PDB file of N, CA and C in Angstrom:
ATOM      1  N   UNK A   1       0.838  -1.168   0.000  1.00  0.00           N
ATOM      2  CA  UNK A   1       0.000   0.000   0.000  1.00  0.00           C
ATOM      3  C   UNK A   1       0.890   1.239   0.000  1.00  0.00           C
ATOM      4  N   UNK A   2       0.608   2.167  -0.876  1.00  0.00           N
ATOM      5  CA  UNK A   2       1.408   3.369  -1.033  1.00  0.00           C
ATOM      6  C   UNK A   2       0.717   4.567  -0.379  1.00  0.00           C
ATOM      7  N   UNK A   3       1.498   5.374   0.337  1.00  0.00           N
ATOM      8  CA  UNK A   3       0.952   6.584   0.948  1.00  0.00           C
ATOM      9  C   UNK A   3       1.106   7.737  -0.029  1.00  0.00           C
ATOM     10  N   UNK A   4       0.192   8.690   0.035  1.00  0.00           N
ATOM     11  CA  UNK A   4       0.287   9.873  -0.809  1.00  0.00           C
ATOM     12  C   UNK A   4       1.507  10.687  -0.375  1.00  0.00           C
ATOM     13  N   UNK A   5       2.209  11.226  -1.337  1.00  0.00           N
ATOM     14  CA  UNK A   5       3.393  12.029  -1.034  1.00  0.00           C
ATOM     15  C   UNK A   5       2.978  13.366  -0.435  1.00  0.00           C
ATOM     16  N   UNK A   6       3.679  13.775   0.599  1.00  0.00           N
ATOM     17  CA  UNK A   6       3.464  15.096   1.177  1.00  0.00           C
ATOM     18  C   UNK A   6       4.246  16.113   0.355  1.00  0.00           C
ATOM     19  N   UNK A   7       3.701  17.289   0.262  1.00  0.00           N
ATOM     20  CA  UNK A   7       4.392  18.354  -0.460  1.00  0.00           C
ATOM     21  C   UNK A   7       5.060  19.295   0.538  1.00  0.00           C
ATOM     22  N   UNK A   8       5.954  20.132   0.054  1.00  0.00           N
ATOM     23  CA  UNK A   8       6.584  21.123   0.911  1.00  0.00           C
ATOM     24  C   UNK A   8       5.537  22.067   1.482  1.00  0.00           C
ATOM     25  N   UNK A   9       4.508  22.374   0.690  1.00  0.00           N
ATOM     26  CA  UNK A   9       3.414  23.227   1.178  1.00  0.00           C
ATOM     27  C   UNK A   9       2.690  22.572   2.349  1.00  0.00           C
ATOM     28  N   UNK A  10       2.545  21.240   2.320  1.00  0.00           N
ATOM     29  CA  UNK A  10       1.948  20.530   3.453  1.00  0.00           C
ATOM     30  C   UNK A  10       2.783  20.753   4.710  1.00  0.00           C
ATOM     31  N   UNK A  11       4.094  20.640   4.576  1.00  0.00           N
ATOM     32  CA  UNK A  11       4.994  20.839   5.709  1.00  0.00           C
ATOM     33  C   UNK A  11       4.861  22.261   6.260  1.00  0.00           C
ATOM     34  N   UNK A  12       4.758  23.238   5.367  1.00  0.00           N
ATOM     35  CA  UNK A  12       4.668  24.635   5.802  1.00  0.00           C
ATOM     36  C   UNK A  12       3.389  24.929   6.580  1.00  0.00           C
ATOM     37  N   UNK A  13       2.374  24.088   6.434  1.00  0.00           N
ATOM     38  CA  UNK A  13       1.124  24.278   7.177  1.00  0.00           C
ATOM     39  C   UNK A  13       1.289  23.949   8.660  1.00  0.00           C
ATOM     40  N   UNK A  14       2.292  23.146   8.998  1.00  0.00           N
ATOM     41  CA  UNK A  14       2.520  22.756  10.386  1.00  0.00           C
ATOM     42  C   UNK A  14       3.212  23.877  11.144  1.00  0.00           C
ATOM     43  N   UNK A  15       2.694  24.194  12.316  1.00  0.00           N
ATOM     44  CA  UNK A  15       3.328  25.170  13.202  1.00  0.00           C
ATOM     45  C   UNK A  15       3.998  24.363  14.312  1.00  0.00           C
ATOM     46  N   UNK A  16       5.316  24.187  14.201  1.00  0.00           N
ATOM     47  CA  UNK A  16       6.081  23.389  15.150  1.00  0.00           C
ATOM     48  C   UNK A  16       6.913  24.334  16.001  1.00  0.00           C
ATOM     49  N   UNK A  17       6.688  24.274  17.310  1.00  0.00           N
ATOM     50  CA  UNK A  17       7.331  25.201  18.242  1.00  0.00           C
ATOM     51  C   UNK A  17       8.043  24.463  19.363  1.00  0.00           C
ATOM     52  N   UNK A  18       8.947  25.185  20.022  1.00  0.00           N
ATOM     53  CA  UNK A  18       9.642  24.683  21.198  1.00  0.00           C
ATOM     54  C   UNK A  18       8.889  25.135  22.440  1.00  0.00           C
ATOM     55  N   UNK A  19       8.729  24.201  23.363  1.00  0.00           N
ATOM     56  CA  UNK A  19       8.129  24.524  24.655  1.00  0.00           C
ATOM     57  C   UNK A  19       8.857  23.771  25.750  1.00  0.00           C
ATOM     58  N   UNK A  20       8.662  24.234  26.982  1.00  0.00           N
ATOM     59  CA  UNK A  20       9.263  23.582  28.141  1.00  0.00           C
ATOM     60  C   UNK A  20       8.173  22.909  28.953  1.00  0.00           C
ATOM     61  N   UNK A  21       8.372  21.641  29.258  1.00  0.00           N
ATOM     62  CA  UNK A  21       7.408  20.901  30.071  1.00  0.00           C
ATOM     63  C   UNK A  21       7.462  21.456  31.494  1.00  0.00           C
ATOM     64  N   UNK A  22       6.304  21.913  31.988  1.00  0.00           N
ATOM     65  CA  UNK A  22       6.241  22.465  33.345  1.00  0.00           C
ATOM     66  C   UNK A  22       5.520  21.537  34.318  1.00  0.00           C
ATOM     67  N   UNK A  23       4.802  20.541  33.783  1.00  0.00           N
ATOM     68  CA  UNK A  23       4.144  19.560  34.645  1.00  0.00           C
ATOM     69  C   UNK A  23       3.947  18.273  33.849  1.00  0.00           C
ATOM     70  N   UNK A  24       4.099  17.148  34.535  1.00  0.00           N
ATOM     71  CA  UNK A  24       3.891  15.829  33.914  1.00  0.00           C
ATOM     72  C   UNK A  24       3.322  14.910  34.978  1.00  0.00           C
ATOM     73  N   UNK A  25       2.228  14.226  34.605  1.00  0.00           N
ATOM     74  CA  UNK A  25       1.620  13.287  35.544  1.00  0.00           C
ATOM     75  C   UNK A  25       1.078  12.077  34.785  1.00  0.00           C
ATOM     76  N   UNK A  26       0.950  10.975  35.475  1.00  0.00           N
ATOM     77  CA  UNK A  26       0.413   9.759  34.870  1.00  0.00           C
ATOM     78  C   UNK A  26      -1.030  10.018  34.455  1.00  0.00           C
ATOM     79  N   UNK A  27      -1.367   9.600  33.240  1.00  0.00           N
ATOM     80  CA  UNK A  27      -2.720   9.747  32.700  1.00  0.00           C
ATOM     81  C   UNK A  27      -3.473   8.460  33.032  1.00  0.00           C
ATOM     82  N   UNK A  28      -4.143   8.463  34.165  1.00  0.00           N
ATOM     83  CA  UNK A  28      -4.799   7.264  34.690  1.00  0.00           C
ATOM     84  C   UNK A  28      -5.872   6.708  33.760  1.00  0.00           C
ATOM     85  N   UNK A  29      -6.620   7.583  33.061  1.00  0.00           N
ATOM     86  CA  UNK A  29      -7.757   7.126  32.257  1.00  0.00           C
ATOM     87  C   UNK A  29      -7.410   6.776  30.812  1.00  0.00           C
ATOM     88  N   UNK A  30      -6.160   6.927  30.423  1.00  0.00           N
ATOM     89  CA  UNK A  30      -5.754   6.589  29.054  1.00  0.00           C
ATOM     90  C   UNK A  30      -5.792   5.076  28.862  1.00  0.00           C
ATOM     91  N   UNK A  31      -6.166   4.641  27.650  1.00  0.00           N
ATOM     92  CA  UNK A  31      -6.202   3.203  27.349  1.00  0.00           C
ATOM     93  C   UNK A  31      -4.804   2.602  27.343  1.00  0.00           C
ATOM     94  N   UNK A  32      -3.849   3.345  26.768  1.00  0.00           N
ATOM     95  CA  UNK A  32      -2.449   2.905  26.745  1.00  0.00           C
ATOM     96  C   UNK A  32      -1.656   3.804  27.686  1.00  0.00           C
ATOM     97  N   UNK A  33      -0.582   3.300  28.288  1.00  0.00           N
ATOM     98  CA  UNK A  33       0.183   4.113  29.231  1.00  0.00           C
ATOM     99  C   UNK A  33       0.597   5.454  28.615  1.00  0.00           C
ATOM    100  N   UNK A  34       0.323   6.543  29.329  1.00  0.00           N
ATOM    101  CA  UNK A  34       0.613   7.887  28.828  1.00  0.00           C
ATOM    102  C   UNK A  34       0.761   8.848  30.000  1.00  0.00           C
ATOM    103  N   UNK A  35       1.287  10.033  29.682  1.00  0.00           N
ATOM    104  CA  UNK A  35       1.364  11.121  30.642  1.00  0.00           C
ATOM    105  C   UNK A  35       0.518  12.286  30.147  1.00  0.00           C
ATOM    106  N   UNK A  36       0.013  13.062  31.086  1.00  0.00           N
ATOM    107  CA  UNK A  36      -0.588  14.355  30.788  1.00  0.00           C
ATOM    108  C   UNK A  36       0.501  15.387  31.018  1.00  0.00           C
ATOM    109  N   UNK A  37       0.787  16.166  29.978  1.00  0.00           N
ATOM    110  CA  UNK A  37       1.837  17.180  30.063  1.00  0.00           C
ATOM    111  C   UNK A  37       1.235  18.567  29.986  1.00  0.00           C
ATOM    112  N   UNK A  38       1.861  19.512  30.670  1.00  0.00           N
ATOM    113  CA  UNK A  38       1.608  20.932  30.469  1.00  0.00           C
ATOM    114  C   UNK A  38       2.914  21.510  29.947  1.00  0.00           C
ATOM    115  N   UNK A  39       2.820  22.189  28.798  1.00  0.00           N
ATOM    116  CA  UNK A  39       4.019  22.686  28.112  1.00  0.00           C
ATOM    117  C   UNK A  39       3.885  24.185  27.925  1.00  0.00           C
ATOM    118  N   UNK A  40       4.911  24.923  28.352  1.00  0.00           N
ATOM    119  CA  UNK A  40       4.933  26.384  28.234  1.00  0.00           C
ATOM    120  C   UNK A  40       5.581  26.771  26.909  1.00  0.00           C
ATOM    121  N   UNK A  41       4.788  27.412  26.035  1.00  0.00           N
ATOM    122  CA  UNK A  41       5.277  27.856  24.731  1.00  0.00           C
ATOM    123  C   UNK A  41       5.544  29.354  24.691  1.00  0.00           C
ATOM    124  N   UNK A  42       5.698  29.995  25.831  1.00  0.00           N
ATOM    125  CA  UNK A  42       6.032  31.414  25.866  1.00  0.00           C
ATOM    126  C   UNK A  42       4.806  32.305  25.791  1.00  0.00           C
ATOM    127  N   UNK A  43       5.076  33.617  25.723  1.00  0.00           N
ATOM    128  CA  UNK A  43       4.016  34.616  25.782  1.00  0.00           C
ATOM    129  C   UNK A  43       2.963  34.484  24.697  1.00  0.00           C
ATOM    130  N   UNK A  44       3.376  34.254  23.474  1.00  0.00           N
ATOM    131  CA  UNK A  44       2.432  34.261  22.347  1.00  0.00           C
ATOM    132  C   UNK A  44       1.414  33.121  22.435  1.00  0.00           C
ATOM    133  N   UNK A  45       1.841  31.937  22.852  1.00  0.00           N
ATOM    134  CA  UNK A  45       0.952  30.771  22.867  1.00  0.00           C
ATOM    135  C   UNK A  45       0.530  30.338  24.262  1.00  0.00           C
ATOM    136  N   UNK A  46       1.321  30.643  25.261  1.00  0.00           N
ATOM    137  CA  UNK A  46       1.003  30.264  26.627  1.00  0.00           C
ATOM    138  C   UNK A  46       1.236  28.789  26.905  1.00  0.00           C
ATOM    139  N   UNK A  47       0.546  28.288  27.919  1.00  0.00           N
ATOM    140  CA  UNK A  47       0.682  26.893  28.347  1.00  0.00           C
ATOM    141  C   UNK A  47      -0.381  26.053  27.640  1.00  0.00           C
ATOM    142  N   UNK A  48       0.056  24.945  27.050  1.00  0.00           N
ATOM    143  CA  UNK A  48      -0.832  24.018  26.349  1.00  0.00           C
ATOM    144  C   UNK A  48      -0.687  22.634  26.975  1.00  0.00           C
ATOM    145  N   UNK A  49      -1.726  21.829  26.805  1.00  0.00           N
ATOM    146  CA  UNK A  49      -1.733  20.477  27.366  1.00  0.00           C
ATOM    147  C   UNK A  49      -1.565  19.438  26.261  1.00  0.00           C
ATOM    148  N   UNK A  50      -0.940  18.315  26.636  1.00  0.00           N
ATOM    149  CA  UNK A  50      -0.727  17.231  25.673  1.00  0.00           C
ATOM    150  C   UNK A  50      -0.778  15.891  26.393  1.00  0.00           C
ATOM    151  N   UNK A  51      -1.320  14.899  25.704  1.00  0.00           N
ATOM    152  CA  UNK A  51      -1.234  13.516  26.163  1.00  0.00           C
ATOM    153  C   UNK A  51      -0.108  12.870  25.359  1.00  0.00           C
ATOM    154  N   UNK A  52       0.817  12.226  26.047  1.00  0.00           N
ATOM    155  CA  UNK A  52       1.983  11.669  25.360  1.00  0.00           C
ATOM    156  C   UNK A  52       2.270  10.251  25.843  1.00  0.00           C
ATOM    157  N   UNK A  53       2.365   9.326  24.899  1.00  0.00           N
ATOM    158  CA  UNK A  53       2.690   7.937  25.213  1.00  0.00           C
ATOM    159  C   UNK A  53       4.206   7.765  25.213  1.00  0.00           C
ATOM    160  N   UNK A  54       4.832   8.264  26.262  1.00  0.00           N
ATOM    161  CA  UNK A  54       6.290   8.284  26.360  1.00  0.00           C
ATOM    162  C   UNK A  54       6.778   7.643  27.660  1.00  0.00           C
ATOM    163  N   UNK A  55       5.952   6.750  28.211  1.00  0.00           N
ATOM    164  CA  UNK A  55       6.245   6.187  29.530  1.00  0.00           C
ATOM    165  C   UNK A  55       7.407   5.201  29.549  1.00  0.00           C
ATOM    166  N   UNK A  56       7.774   4.664  28.389  1.00  0.00           N
ATOM    167  CA  UNK A  56       8.843   3.653  28.367  1.00  0.00           C
ATOM    168  C   UNK A  56      10.218   4.239  28.703  1.00  0.00           C
ATOM    169  N   UNK A  57      10.472   5.470  28.260  1.00  0.00           N
ATOM    170  CA  UNK A  57      11.799   6.057  28.444  1.00  0.00           C
ATOM    171  C   UNK A  57      11.859   7.174  29.473  1.00  0.00           C
ATOM    172  N   UNK A  58      10.706   7.628  29.963  1.00  0.00           N
ATOM    173  CA  UNK A  58      10.699   8.807  30.830  1.00  0.00           C
ATOM    174  C   UNK A  58       9.807   8.593  32.048  1.00  0.00           C
ATOM    175  N   UNK A  59      10.269   9.114  33.181  1.00  0.00           N
ATOM    176  CA  UNK A  59       9.445   9.215  34.383  1.00  0.00           C
ATOM    177  C   UNK A  59       8.930  10.654  34.445  1.00  0.00           C
ATOM    178  N   UNK A  60       7.747  10.881  35.027  1.00  0.00           N
ATOM    179  CA  UNK A  60       7.195  12.241  35.052  1.00  0.00           C
ATOM    180  C   UNK A  60       8.159  13.292  35.615  1.00  0.00           C
ATOM    181  N   UNK A  61       8.852  12.945  36.695  1.00  0.00           N
ATOM    182  CA  UNK A  61       9.730  13.935  37.339  1.00  0.00           C
ATOM    183  C   UNK A  61      10.912  14.340  36.467  1.00  0.00           C
ATOM    184  N   UNK A  62      11.375  13.465  35.577  1.00  0.00           N
ATOM    185  CA  UNK A  62      12.502  13.839  34.718  1.00  0.00           C
ATOM    186  C   UNK A  62      12.064  14.650  33.502  1.00  0.00           C
ATOM    187  N   UNK A  63      10.771  14.725  33.245  1.00  0.00           N
ATOM    188  CA  UNK A  63      10.272  15.496  32.107  1.00  0.00           C
ATOM    189  C   UNK A  63      10.170  16.991  32.419  1.00  0.00           C
ATOM    190  N   UNK A  64       9.914  17.325  33.672  1.00  0.00           N
ATOM    191  CA  UNK A  64       9.754  18.735  34.048  1.00  0.00           C
ATOM    192  C   UNK A  64      11.061  19.483  33.794  1.00  0.00           C
ATOM    193  N   UNK A  65      10.953  20.567  33.025  1.00  0.00           N
ATOM    194  CA  UNK A  65      12.128  21.364  32.663  1.00  0.00           C
ATOM    195  C   UNK A  65      12.711  21.009  31.305  1.00  0.00           C
ATOM    196  N   UNK A  66      12.258  19.906  30.708  1.00  0.00           N
ATOM    197  CA  UNK A  66      12.777  19.475  29.406  1.00  0.00           C
ATOM    198  C   UNK A  66      12.105  20.269  28.290  1.00  0.00           C
ATOM    199  N   UNK A  67      12.905  20.751  27.350  1.00  0.00           N
ATOM    200  CA  UNK A  67      12.361  21.423  26.169  1.00  0.00           C
ATOM    201  C   UNK A  67      12.043  20.374  25.111  1.00  0.00           C
ATOM    202  N   UNK A  68      10.899  20.562  24.444  1.00  0.00           N
ATOM    203  CA  UNK A  68      10.428  19.620  23.429  1.00  0.00           C
ATOM    204  C   UNK A  68       9.905  20.393  22.223  1.00  0.00           C
ATOM    205  N   UNK A  69       9.792  19.688  21.099  1.00  0.00           N
ATOM    206  CA  UNK A  69       9.150  20.231  19.904  1.00  0.00           C
ATOM    207  C   UNK A  69       7.741  19.673  19.828  1.00  0.00           C
ATOM    208  N   UNK A  70       6.799  20.516  19.395  1.00  0.00           N
ATOM    209  CA  UNK A  70       5.411  20.080  19.297  1.00  0.00           C
ATOM    210  C   UNK A  70       4.705  20.807  18.166  1.00  0.00           C
ATOM    211  N   UNK A  71       3.749  20.107  17.533  1.00  0.00           N
ATOM    212  CA  UNK A  71       2.857  20.741  16.565  1.00  0.00           C
ATOM    213  C   UNK A  71       1.780  21.435  17.386  1.00  0.00           C
ATOM    214  N   UNK A  72       1.639  22.757  17.188  1.00  0.00           N
ATOM    215  CA  UNK A  72       0.720  23.538  18.024  1.00  0.00           C
ATOM    216  C   UNK A  72      -0.542  23.971  17.290  1.00  0.00           C
ATOM    217  N   UNK A  73      -0.690  23.625  16.001  1.00  0.00           N
ATOM    218  CA  UNK A  73      -1.862  24.091  15.263  1.00  0.00           C
ATOM    219  C   UNK A  73      -2.793  22.972  14.796  1.00  0.00           C
ATOM    220  N   UNK A  74      -2.750  21.816  15.453  1.00  0.00           N
ATOM    221  CA  UNK A  74      -3.773  20.796  15.233  1.00  0.00           C
ATOM    222  C   UNK A  74      -4.967  21.149  16.122  1.00  0.00           C
ATOM    223  N   UNK A  75      -6.181  20.737  15.731  1.00  0.00           N
ATOM    224  CA  UNK A  75      -7.320  20.971  16.627  1.00  0.00           C
ATOM    225  C   UNK A  75      -7.179  20.111  17.885  1.00  0.00           C
ATOM    226  N   UNK A  76      -7.738  20.561  19.017  1.00  0.00           N
ATOM    227  CA  UNK A  76      -7.670  19.747  20.242  1.00  0.00           C
ATOM    228  C   UNK A  76      -8.301  18.381  20.013  1.00  0.00           C
ATOM    229  N   UNK A  77      -7.762  17.396  20.701  1.00  0.00           N
ATOM    230  CA  UNK A  77      -8.259  16.019  20.573  1.00  0.00           C
ATOM    231  C   UNK A  77      -8.611  15.504  21.967  1.00  0.00           C
ATOM    232  N   UNK A  78      -9.841  15.015  22.103  1.00  0.00           N
ATOM    233  CA  UNK A  78     -10.259  14.494  23.402  1.00  0.00           C
ATOM    234  C   UNK A  78      -9.802  13.060  23.559  1.00  0.00           C
ATOM    235  N   UNK A  79      -9.131  12.809  24.681  1.00  0.00           N
ATOM    236  CA  UNK A  79      -8.681  11.472  25.043  1.00  0.00           C
ATOM    237  C   UNK A  79      -9.212  11.232  26.455  1.00  0.00           C
ATOM    238  N   UNK A  80     -10.182  10.335  26.558  1.00  0.00           N
ATOM    239  CA  UNK A  80     -10.897  10.104  27.824  1.00  0.00           C
ATOM    240  C   UNK A  80     -11.464  11.453  28.298  1.00  0.00           C
ATOM    241  N   UNK A  81     -11.105  11.884  29.487  1.00  0.00           N
ATOM    242  CA  UNK A  81     -11.635  13.136  30.038  1.00  0.00           C
ATOM    243  C   UNK A  81     -10.670  14.314  29.863  1.00  0.00           C
ATOM    244  N   UNK A  82      -9.744  14.218  28.932  1.00  0.00           N
ATOM    245  CA  UNK A  82      -8.649  15.178  28.789  1.00  0.00           C
ATOM    246  C   UNK A  82      -8.609  15.690  27.347  1.00  0.00           C
ATOM    247  N   UNK A  83      -8.399  16.993  27.176  1.00  0.00           N
ATOM    248  CA  UNK A  83      -8.233  17.565  25.839  1.00  0.00           C
ATOM    249  C   UNK A  83      -6.760  17.830  25.586  1.00  0.00           C
ATOM    250  N   UNK A  84      -6.206  17.118  24.610  1.00  0.00           N
ATOM    251  CA  UNK A  84      -4.820  17.295  24.205  1.00  0.00           C
ATOM    252  C   UNK A  84      -4.788  18.397  23.140  1.00  0.00           C
ATOM    253  N   UNK A  85      -4.066  19.483  23.424  1.00  0.00           N
ATOM    254  CA  UNK A  85      -4.062  20.663  22.553  1.00  0.00           C
ATOM    255  C   UNK A  85      -2.895  20.698  21.575  1.00  0.00           C
ATOM    256  N   UNK A  86      -1.811  20.000  21.884  1.00  0.00           N
ATOM    257  CA  UNK A  86      -0.631  19.987  21.025  1.00  0.00           C
ATOM    258  C   UNK A  86      -0.122  18.556  20.897  1.00  0.00           C
ATOM    259  N   UNK A  87       0.618  18.301  19.811  1.00  0.00           N
ATOM    260  CA  UNK A  87       1.222  16.992  19.591  1.00  0.00           C
ATOM    261  C   UNK A  87       2.725  17.105  19.821  1.00  0.00           C
ATOM    262  N   UNK A  88       3.184  16.552  20.949  1.00  0.00           N
ATOM    263  CA  UNK A  88       4.612  16.527  21.254  1.00  0.00           C
ATOM    264  C   UNK A  88       5.262  15.523  20.314  1.00  0.00           C
ATOM    265  N   UNK A  89       6.403  15.904  19.725  1.00  0.00           N
ATOM    266  CA  UNK A  89       7.041  15.082  18.700  1.00  0.00           C
ATOM    267  C   UNK A  89       8.122  14.166  19.276  1.00  0.00           C
ATOM    268  N   UNK A  90       8.161  12.961  18.733  1.00  0.00           N
ATOM    269  CA  UNK A  90       9.176  12.001  19.129  1.00  0.00           C
ATOM    270  C   UNK A  90       9.383  10.996  18.018  1.00  0.00           C
ATOM    271  N   UNK A  91      10.378  10.146  18.202  1.00  0.00           N
ATOM    272  CA  UNK A  91      10.642   9.087  17.238  1.00  0.00           C
ATOM    273  C   UNK A  91      10.197   7.756  17.836  1.00  0.00           C
ATOM    274  N   UNK A  92       9.639   6.893  16.993  1.00  0.00           N
ATOM    275  CA  UNK A  92       9.321   5.542  17.425  1.00  0.00           C
ATOM    276  C   UNK A  92      10.619   4.764  17.377  1.00  0.00           C
ATOM    277  N   UNK A  93      11.226   4.592  18.530  1.00  0.00           N
ATOM    278  CA  UNK A  93      12.543   3.978  18.632  1.00  0.00           C
ATOM    279  C   UNK A  93      12.454   2.683  19.411  1.00  0.00           C
ATOM    280  N   UNK A  94      13.553   1.945  19.411  1.00  0.00           N
ATOM    281  CA  UNK A  94      13.595   0.700  20.161  1.00  0.00           C
ATOM    282  C   UNK A  94      13.247   0.983  21.617  1.00  0.00           C
ATOM    283  N   UNK A  95      12.289   0.271  22.132  1.00  0.00           N
ATOM    284  CA  UNK A  95      11.914   0.432  23.529  1.00  0.00           C
ATOM    285  C   UNK A  95      10.897   1.514  23.785  1.00  0.00           C
ATOM    286  N   UNK A  96      10.452   2.234  22.762  1.00  0.00           N
ATOM    287  CA  UNK A  96       9.426   3.252  22.966  1.00  0.00           C
ATOM    288  C   UNK A  96       9.766   4.578  22.318  1.00  0.00           C
ATOM    289  N   UNK A  97       8.904   5.548  22.546  1.00  0.00           N
ATOM    290  CA  UNK A  97       9.050   6.864  21.924  1.00  0.00           C
ATOM    291  C   UNK A  97      10.130   7.674  22.633  1.00  0.00           C
ATOM    292  N   UNK A  98      10.997   8.313  21.830  1.00  0.00           N
ATOM    293  CA  UNK A  98      12.037   9.211  22.332  1.00  0.00           C
ATOM    294  C   UNK A  98      11.699  10.615  21.844  1.00  0.00           C
ATOM    295  N   UNK A  99      11.644  11.557  22.771  1.00  0.00           N
ATOM    296  CA  UNK A  99      11.270  12.930  22.436  1.00  0.00           C
ATOM    297  C   UNK A  99      12.312  13.620  21.559  1.00  0.00           C
ATOM    298  N   UNK A 100      11.827  14.518  20.711  1.00  0.00           N
ATOM    299  CA  UNK A 100      12.710  15.369  19.915  1.00  0.00           C
ATOM    300  C   UNK A 100      12.907  16.662  20.696  1.00  0.00           C
ATOM    301  N   UNK A 101      14.168  16.972  20.983  1.00  0.00           N
ATOM    302  CA  UNK A 101      14.490  18.142  21.796  1.00  0.00           C
ATOM    303  C   UNK A 101      15.588  18.965  21.124  1.00  0.00           C
ATOM    304  N   UNK A 102      15.595  20.290  21.369  1.00  0.00           N
ATOM    305  CA  UNK A 102      16.715  21.083  20.858  1.00  0.00           C
ATOM    306  C   UNK A 102      18.003  20.686  21.580  1.00  0.00           C
ATOM    307  N   UNK A 103      19.141  20.783  20.900  1.00  0.00           N
ATOM    308  CA  UNK A 103      20.395  20.383  21.555  1.00  0.00           C
ATOM    309  C   UNK A 103      21.017  21.507  22.378  1.00  0.00           C
ATOM    310  N   UNK A 104      20.406  22.695  22.333  1.00  0.00           N
ATOM    311  CA  UNK A 104      20.813  23.828  23.188  1.00  0.00           C
ATOM    312  C   UNK A 104      19.547  24.488  23.679  1.00  0.00           C
ATOM    313  N   UNK A 105      19.572  25.113  24.866  1.00  0.00           N
ATOM    314  CA  UNK A 105      18.391  25.817  25.348  1.00  0.00           C
ATOM    315  C   UNK A 105      18.009  26.950  24.380  1.00  0.00           C
ATOM    316  N   UNK A 106      16.725  27.053  24.087  1.00  0.00           N
ATOM    317  CA  UNK A 106      16.208  28.104  23.218  1.00  0.00           C
ATOM    318  C   UNK A 106      14.984  28.726  23.880  1.00  0.00           C
ATOM    319  N   UNK A 107      14.500  29.798  23.298  1.00  0.00           N
ATOM    320  CA  UNK A 107      13.350  30.508  23.847  1.00  0.00           C
ATOM    321  C   UNK A 107      12.061  29.719  23.591  1.00  0.00           C
ATOM    322  N   UNK A 108      11.228  29.606  24.627  1.00  0.00           N
ATOM    323  CA  UNK A 108       9.921  28.978  24.439  1.00  0.00           C
ATOM    324  C   UNK A 108       9.149  29.717  23.366  1.00  0.00           C
ATOM    325  N   UNK A 109       8.543  28.958  22.469  1.00  0.00           N
ATOM    326  CA  UNK A 109       7.783  29.550  21.372  1.00  0.00           C
ATOM    327  C   UNK A 109       8.571  29.652  20.078  1.00  0.00           C
ATOM    328  N   UNK A 110       9.895  29.417  20.140  1.00  0.00           N
ATOM    329  CA  UNK A 110      10.683  29.455  18.892  1.00  0.00           C
ATOM    330  C   UNK A 110      10.097  28.452  17.909  1.00  0.00           C
ATOM    331  N   UNK A 111      10.075  28.848  16.649  1.00  0.00           N
ATOM    332  CA  UNK A 111       9.449  28.053  15.591  1.00  0.00           C
ATOM    333  C   UNK A 111      10.504  27.236  14.841  1.00  0.00           C
ATOM    334  N   UNK A 112      10.142  25.983  14.538  1.00  0.00           N
ATOM    335  CA  UNK A 112      10.998  25.169  13.671  1.00  0.00           C
ATOM    336  C   UNK A 112      11.034  25.811  12.309  1.00  0.00           C
ATOM    337  N   UNK A 113      12.222  26.001  11.770  1.00  0.00           N
ATOM    338  CA  UNK A 113      12.321  26.687  10.489  1.00  0.00           C
ATOM    339  C   UNK A 113      13.211  25.980   9.510  1.00  0.00           C
TER     340      UNK A 113
END
């Protein structure tokens, strides 16, 4: 089965920003193991919430303070009793999802370019 090719214009529609995780807790009502995250994207976007299935490689306490990349312009998605507002990005790697992070500290809200 072949997937339709994405165009560069499709990529440009995505608003991918850097944010800092300010809170992480176990998402008790999720069907698959996940965390509820609060991510600070700076003044322009503020704090957004995300559900992330990243429990294999991360404990909640080690996520706080970590900068991550996320798609911030998808519509909110309801997962159980929680509205996930952004999609935190990671790679499907051996042993679970690994977050995509900047290799140097940057300003919250900086856009992937």
